Protein backbone atom coordinates (compact mmCIF):
# COMPACT_ATOMS: atom_id res chain seq x y z
CA GLY A 1 0.00 0.00 0.00
CA GLY A 2 1.91 3.00 1.32
CA SER A 3 5.18 2.14 -0.40
CA ASN A 4 3.63 2.07 -3.88
CA SER A 5 1.78 5.30 -3.16
CA SER A 6 5.00 6.96 -2.00
CA SER A 7 6.91 5.71 -5.04
CA SER A 8 4.17 6.92 -7.38
CA SER A 9 4.11 10.32 -5.68
CA LEU A 10 7.88 10.67 -6.01
CA THR A 11 7.70 9.73 -9.69
CA SER A 12 5.00 12.34 -10.27
CA LEU A 13 6.96 14.96 -8.34
CA ILE A 14 10.15 14.36 -10.32
CA ALA A 15 8.23 14.70 -13.61
CA LEU A 16 6.89 18.20 -12.79
CA PRO A 17 9.88 20.45 -13.53
CA SER A 18 10.33 19.13 -17.05
CA GLN A 19 6.69 19.98 -17.81
CA TYR A 20 6.99 23.56 -16.53
CA ARG A 21 10.56 24.56 -17.41
CA THR A 22 9.72 28.25 -17.91
CA ASN A 23 7.72 28.69 -14.69
CA PRO A 24 10.07 30.16 -12.05
CA GLN A 25 7.53 29.82 -9.23
CA LEU A 26 7.04 26.11 -9.83
CA GLN A 27 10.77 25.58 -10.26
CA THR A 28 11.40 27.41 -6.96
CA GLN A 29 8.86 25.27 -5.12
CA PHE A 30 10.31 22.12 -6.68
CA CYS A 31 13.78 23.06 -5.43
CA ALA A 32 12.37 23.70 -1.94
CA VAL A 33 10.64 20.31 -1.89
CA MET A 34 13.81 18.59 -3.10
CA ALA A 35 15.81 20.32 -0.34
CA ALA A 36 13.36 19.15 2.31
CA LEU A 37 13.07 15.66 0.87
CA CYS A 38 16.83 15.14 0.77
CA LEU A 39 17.20 16.46 4.31
CA CYS A 40 14.28 14.67 5.96
CA SER A 41 14.33 11.44 3.94
CA PRO A 42 17.92 10.63 2.98
CA SER A 43 16.84 7.15 1.92
CA HIS A 44 14.92 8.78 -0.95
CA VAL A 45 18.00 10.43 -2.45
CA PRO A 46 18.80 7.51 -4.81
CA ARG A 47 15.17 7.61 -6.03
CA VAL A 48 15.21 11.36 -6.72
CA VAL A 49 18.56 11.66 -8.53
CA ASN A 50 16.83 12.71 -11.75
CA GLY A 51 15.13 15.50 -9.83
CA LEU A 52 18.55 16.82 -8.86
CA LYS A 53 19.29 17.23 -12.57
CA ASP A 54 16.24 19.47 -12.78
CA VAL A 55 17.42 21.44 -9.74
CA VAL A 56 20.73 22.19 -11.48
CA ALA A 57 18.87 23.03 -14.71
CA ALA A 58 16.67 25.49 -12.80
CA MET A 59 19.76 27.12 -11.30
CA LYS A 60 21.11 27.64 -14.80
CA ARG A 61 17.78 28.81 -16.21
CA PHE A 62 16.97 31.34 -13.47
CA PRO A 63 20.32 32.66 -12.21
CA GLU A 64 18.81 35.94 -10.94
CA ASN A 65 16.07 34.28 -8.86
CA VAL A 66 17.58 34.46 -5.37
CA THR A 67 14.86 32.40 -3.69
CA LEU A 68 15.20 29.62 -6.24
CA GLN A 69 18.99 29.71 -5.94
CA ARG A 70 18.80 29.46 -2.15
CA HIS A 71 16.45 26.44 -2.25
CA ALA A 72 18.50 24.82 -5.01
CA CYS A 73 21.72 25.25 -3.02
CA LEU A 74 20.05 23.59 -0.04
CA ALA A 75 18.80 20.74 -2.24
CA VAL A 76 22.29 20.16 -3.62
CA ARG A 77 23.90 20.33 -0.18
CA ASN A 78 21.33 18.04 1.44
CA ALA A 79 21.49 15.51 -1.41
CA ALA A 80 25.29 15.42 -1.43
CA SER A 81 25.39 15.04 2.34
CA SER A 82 22.69 12.36 2.43
CA ALA A 83 24.26 10.49 -0.47
CA ARG A 84 27.34 9.76 1.63
CA THR A 85 25.32 6.96 3.21
CA THR A 86 24.09 5.47 -0.07
CA SER A 87 25.69 3.67 -2.98
CA VAL A 88 24.70 6.43 -5.42
CA ASP A 89 27.53 8.77 -6.40
CA VAL A 90 25.44 11.94 -6.27
CA GLN A 91 28.42 14.25 -5.80
CA THR A 92 30.10 13.14 -9.03
CA MET A 93 26.83 13.41 -10.96
CA LEU A 94 26.24 16.94 -9.65
CA LEU A 95 29.77 17.99 -10.55
CA GLU A 96 29.37 16.56 -14.04
CA LEU A 97 26.17 18.62 -14.44
CA GLY A 98 28.15 21.79 -13.69
CA VAL A 99 26.80 22.46 -10.23
CA GLY A 100 30.12 23.98 -9.14
CA ARG A 101 29.68 26.94 -11.45
CA CYS A 102 26.03 27.31 -10.35
CA LEU A 103 27.03 27.36 -6.69
CA LYS A 104 29.71 29.98 -7.33
CA ARG A 105 27.18 32.11 -9.19
CA ALA A 106 24.61 31.74 -6.41
CA GLY A 107 27.25 32.52 -3.80
CA VAL A 108 27.50 36.14 -4.94
CA GLU A 109 23.78 36.76 -4.33
CA ARG A 110 22.68 38.20 -1.02
CA GLY A 111 20.67 35.56 0.74
CA CYS A 112 22.51 32.63 -0.87
CA VAL A 113 26.07 32.91 0.42
CA ASP A 114 25.69 30.55 3.38
CA GLU A 115 23.72 28.00 1.36
CA ALA A 116 26.08 28.07 -1.62
CA TYR A 117 29.24 27.55 0.40
CA ALA A 118 28.02 25.19 3.14
CA GLU A 119 29.97 21.99 3.51
């Protein structure tokens, strides 16, 4: 019961950003949900790896949106931290997607410095 429902919900959630690529509000909320999900449910990180690709894409697409950048930085940090306990190499995938440049860019925005440079 609950496991299939949870899996289906995660699948639906991960599909959202690709359907609304040009909507900064939805992209911001998606990044916030990913940040919370990776922090509160580290076991879900391997199941939401594709969502992290959308987080990085949103960072690139909306570089001036400070709120989105802050939530995206938290999502990246939480996923990378949580992934240390899983077999998924999230850190390498994020680096290959160019997240380093995104984090540096976000780090110059007021309101994102702490999130962009957190270990």
